[in-house]
Amino acid sequence: MPYYVFRLGMFKVLEKQGEWATFKEAKAQTNALRKTLDPKTGDKYKMIFADNEIAAQETLTAERELEKTLSGDDW
C-alpha cells in the first residue's frame, strides 16, 4: 500500500500531491510542502497510508464523531 500526500484546502477540497512507496519518502515530501505553506490560507498537507487513492480521500474527508469522554463541562 502506498502513502498519499494531499493538500487539504477550504471546505475539505483535496488536491493530490503525489504517492510514495515508503514512509520516509512521503514524510520528507510532506514536511517540505508544509514549509512552503502560507499560514493565512488555512490549507494543510496530510499524509495517509491507504489501499488506493479513493480510500485515502474518503478517510481524509470523513466526519468523525466526537468522543463523549472528551466533551462536556468536565473537560
N, C-alpha and C. Protein backbone atom coordinates (compact mmCIF):
# COMPACT_ATOMS: atom_id res chain seq x y z
N MET A 1 0.85 -1.18 0.00
CA MET A 1 0.00 0.00 0.00
C MET A 1 0.89 1.24 0.00
N PRO A 2 0.55 2.20 -0.83
CA PRO A 2 1.35 3.42 -0.89
C PRO A 2 0.92 4.47 0.13
N TYR A 3 1.78 5.45 0.30
CA TYR A 3 1.48 6.63 1.11
C TYR A 3 1.08 7.75 0.16
N TYR A 4 -0.01 8.42 0.48
CA TYR A 4 -0.50 9.52 -0.33
C TYR A 4 -0.34 10.82 0.43
N VAL A 5 -0.05 11.89 -0.31
CA VAL A 5 0.04 13.22 0.28
C VAL A 5 -0.97 14.09 -0.44
N PHE A 6 -1.81 14.76 0.36
CA PHE A 6 -2.84 15.64 -0.18
C PHE A 6 -2.73 17.02 0.44
N ARG A 7 -3.09 18.01 -0.35
CA ARG A 7 -3.27 19.37 0.17
C ARG A 7 -4.74 19.48 0.51
N LEU A 8 -5.03 19.83 1.75
CA LEU A 8 -6.39 19.95 2.22
C LEU A 8 -6.73 21.43 2.29
N GLY A 9 -7.59 21.88 1.37
CA GLY A 9 -7.95 23.29 1.29
C GLY A 9 -9.26 23.58 2.00
N MET A 10 -9.75 24.77 1.73
CA MET A 10 -11.03 25.18 2.33
C MET A 10 -12.13 24.22 1.90
N PHE A 11 -13.08 24.01 2.77
CA PHE A 11 -14.23 23.14 2.51
C PHE A 11 -13.82 21.71 2.21
N LYS A 12 -12.67 21.28 2.76
CA LYS A 12 -12.15 19.92 2.61
C LYS A 12 -11.93 19.53 1.14
N VAL A 13 -11.50 20.47 0.34
CA VAL A 13 -11.15 20.18 -1.05
C VAL A 13 -9.75 19.58 -1.05
N LEU A 14 -9.64 18.38 -1.61
CA LEU A 14 -8.36 17.67 -1.63
C LEU A 14 -7.68 17.81 -2.98
N GLU A 15 -6.37 18.01 -2.93
CA GLU A 15 -5.56 18.07 -4.14
C GLU A 15 -4.37 17.13 -3.93
N LYS A 16 -4.34 16.07 -4.71
CA LYS A 16 -3.27 15.07 -4.56
C LYS A 16 -1.93 15.68 -4.95
N GLN A 17 -0.94 15.49 -4.06
CA GLN A 17 0.41 15.98 -4.32
C GLN A 17 1.34 14.88 -4.80
N GLY A 18 0.96 13.64 -4.56
CA GLY A 18 1.76 12.52 -5.03
C GLY A 18 1.55 11.29 -4.17
N GLU A 19 2.24 10.21 -4.55
CA GLU A 19 2.20 8.98 -3.76
C GLU A 19 3.59 8.37 -3.73
N TRP A 20 3.91 7.75 -2.59
CA TRP A 20 5.24 7.20 -2.38
C TRP A 20 5.12 5.80 -1.80
N ALA A 21 6.12 4.99 -2.06
CA ALA A 21 6.11 3.61 -1.60
C ALA A 21 6.57 3.47 -0.15
N THR A 22 7.37 4.41 0.32
CA THR A 22 7.90 4.29 1.69
C THR A 22 7.48 5.47 2.54
N PHE A 23 7.40 5.21 3.84
CA PHE A 23 7.04 6.25 4.80
C PHE A 23 8.06 7.38 4.78
N LYS A 24 9.33 7.02 4.74
CA LYS A 24 10.41 8.01 4.80
C LYS A 24 10.31 9.02 3.66
N GLU A 25 10.07 8.55 2.45
CA GLU A 25 9.93 9.45 1.28
C GLU A 25 8.70 10.34 1.41
N ALA A 26 7.59 9.75 1.80
CA ALA A 26 6.35 10.51 1.94
C ALA A 26 6.45 11.56 3.04
N LYS A 27 7.05 11.20 4.16
CA LYS A 27 7.19 12.13 5.28
C LYS A 27 8.10 13.30 4.90
N ALA A 28 9.21 13.00 4.20
CA ALA A 28 10.12 14.06 3.76
C ALA A 28 9.41 15.03 2.82
N GLN A 29 8.64 14.51 1.89
CA GLN A 29 7.91 15.37 0.95
C GLN A 29 6.85 16.19 1.67
N THR A 30 6.13 15.57 2.59
CA THR A 30 5.10 16.29 3.35
C THR A 30 5.71 17.43 4.14
N ASN A 31 6.82 17.18 4.80
CA ASN A 31 7.50 18.23 5.57
C ASN A 31 7.98 19.36 4.67
N ALA A 32 8.52 19.02 3.50
CA ALA A 32 8.98 20.04 2.57
C ALA A 32 7.80 20.90 2.09
N LEU A 33 6.67 20.27 1.80
CA LEU A 33 5.49 21.01 1.36
C LEU A 33 4.94 21.91 2.47
N ARG A 34 4.96 21.43 3.69
CA ARG A 34 4.44 22.21 4.81
C ARG A 34 5.26 23.49 5.03
N LYS A 35 6.53 23.45 4.71
CA LYS A 35 7.38 24.63 4.86
C LYS A 35 7.02 25.73 3.86
N THR A 36 6.36 25.36 2.77
CA THR A 36 6.00 26.33 1.73
C THR A 36 4.63 26.96 1.95
N LEU A 37 3.88 26.48 2.94
CA LEU A 37 2.51 26.97 3.16
C LEU A 37 2.48 28.40 3.70
N ASP A 38 1.50 29.14 3.24
CA ASP A 38 1.21 30.46 3.80
C ASP A 38 0.20 30.25 4.92
N PRO A 39 0.55 30.59 6.17
CA PRO A 39 -0.37 30.33 7.29
C PRO A 39 -1.71 31.05 7.17
N LYS A 40 -1.78 32.09 6.36
CA LYS A 40 -3.03 32.84 6.22
C LYS A 40 -4.08 32.09 5.42
N THR A 41 -3.67 31.11 4.62
CA THR A 41 -4.62 30.39 3.76
C THR A 41 -5.45 29.37 4.51
N GLY A 42 -4.89 28.81 5.58
CA GLY A 42 -5.60 27.78 6.32
C GLY A 42 -5.48 26.40 5.70
N ASP A 43 -4.72 26.28 4.62
CA ASP A 43 -4.52 24.98 3.98
C ASP A 43 -3.59 24.12 4.83
N LYS A 44 -3.68 22.80 4.62
CA LYS A 44 -2.84 21.85 5.33
C LYS A 44 -2.38 20.77 4.35
N TYR A 45 -1.29 20.12 4.70
CA TYR A 45 -0.85 18.94 3.97
C TYR A 45 -1.02 17.74 4.87
N LYS A 46 -1.62 16.69 4.33
CA LYS A 46 -1.88 15.47 5.09
C LYS A 46 -1.29 14.28 4.35
N MET A 47 -0.69 13.39 5.12
CA MET A 47 -0.15 12.15 4.57
C MET A 47 -1.00 11.01 5.10
N ILE A 48 -1.29 10.03 4.24
CA ILE A 48 -2.13 8.91 4.66
C ILE A 48 -1.67 7.63 3.96
N PHE A 49 -1.79 6.54 4.67
CA PHE A 49 -1.45 5.21 4.17
C PHE A 49 -2.77 4.53 3.83
N ALA A 50 -2.96 4.16 2.57
CA ALA A 50 -4.24 3.58 2.16
C ALA A 50 -4.06 2.60 1.00
N ASP A 51 -5.10 1.78 0.80
CA ASP A 51 -5.08 0.80 -0.29
C ASP A 51 -5.01 1.47 -1.65
N ASN A 52 -5.77 2.57 -1.79
CA ASN A 52 -5.80 3.28 -3.07
C ASN A 52 -6.15 4.75 -2.83
N GLU A 53 -6.13 5.53 -3.89
CA GLU A 53 -6.37 6.97 -3.78
C GLU A 53 -7.79 7.29 -3.30
N ILE A 54 -8.75 6.54 -3.76
CA ILE A 54 -10.14 6.79 -3.36
C ILE A 54 -10.33 6.53 -1.86
N ALA A 55 -9.76 5.44 -1.36
CA ALA A 55 -9.85 5.14 0.07
C ALA A 55 -9.17 6.22 0.90
N ALA A 56 -8.06 6.74 0.40
CA ALA A 56 -7.35 7.81 1.11
C ALA A 56 -8.21 9.07 1.17
N GLN A 57 -8.84 9.43 0.06
CA GLN A 57 -9.69 10.62 0.03
C GLN A 57 -10.90 10.46 0.95
N GLU A 58 -11.51 9.28 0.93
CA GLU A 58 -12.68 9.05 1.79
C GLU A 58 -12.31 9.15 3.27
N THR A 59 -11.15 8.63 3.64
CA THR A 59 -10.72 8.69 5.03
C THR A 59 -10.45 10.13 5.46
N LEU A 60 -9.82 10.90 4.60
CA LEU A 60 -9.48 12.28 4.95
C LEU A 60 -10.70 13.20 5.03
N THR A 61 -11.75 12.89 4.29
CA THR A 61 -12.93 13.76 4.29
C THR A 61 -14.06 13.24 5.17
N ALA A 62 -13.88 12.08 5.79
CA ALA A 62 -14.93 11.51 6.64
C ALA A 62 -15.12 12.34 7.90
N GLU A 63 -16.36 12.50 8.29
CA GLU A 63 -16.68 13.18 9.54
C GLU A 63 -16.49 12.21 10.69
N ARG A 64 -15.80 12.65 11.72
CA ARG A 64 -15.58 11.78 12.88
C ARG A 64 -16.50 12.21 14.01
N GLU A 65 -16.98 11.23 14.75
CA GLU A 65 -17.85 11.51 15.89
C GLU A 65 -17.02 12.02 17.05
N LEU A 66 -17.58 12.94 17.80
CA LEU A 66 -16.93 13.46 18.99
C LEU A 66 -17.00 12.41 20.09
N GLU A 67 -15.86 12.09 20.68
CA GLU A 67 -15.83 11.12 21.75
C GLU A 67 -16.49 11.73 22.99
N LYS A 68 -17.45 11.03 23.55
CA LYS A 68 -18.24 11.55 24.66
C LYS A 68 -17.39 11.87 25.88
N THR A 69 -16.32 11.13 26.10
CA THR A 69 -15.50 11.37 27.29
C THR A 69 -14.65 12.63 27.17
N LEU A 70 -14.53 13.18 25.97
CA LEU A 70 -13.72 14.37 25.77
C LEU A 70 -14.53 15.65 25.67
N SER A 71 -15.83 15.57 25.89
CA SER A 71 -16.67 16.74 25.78
C SER A 71 -17.45 16.96 27.06
N GLY A 72 -17.96 18.15 27.20
CA GLY A 72 -18.78 18.45 28.36
C GLY A 72 -18.10 19.38 29.34
N ASP A 73 -18.74 19.59 30.47
CA ASP A 73 -18.26 20.55 31.46
C ASP A 73 -16.99 20.09 32.17
N ASP A 74 -16.77 18.79 32.23
CA ASP A 74 -15.60 18.28 32.95
C ASP A 74 -14.31 18.53 32.19
N TRP A 75 -14.36 18.75 30.94
CA TRP A 75 -13.19 18.94 30.10
C TRP A 75 -12.79 20.32 30.20
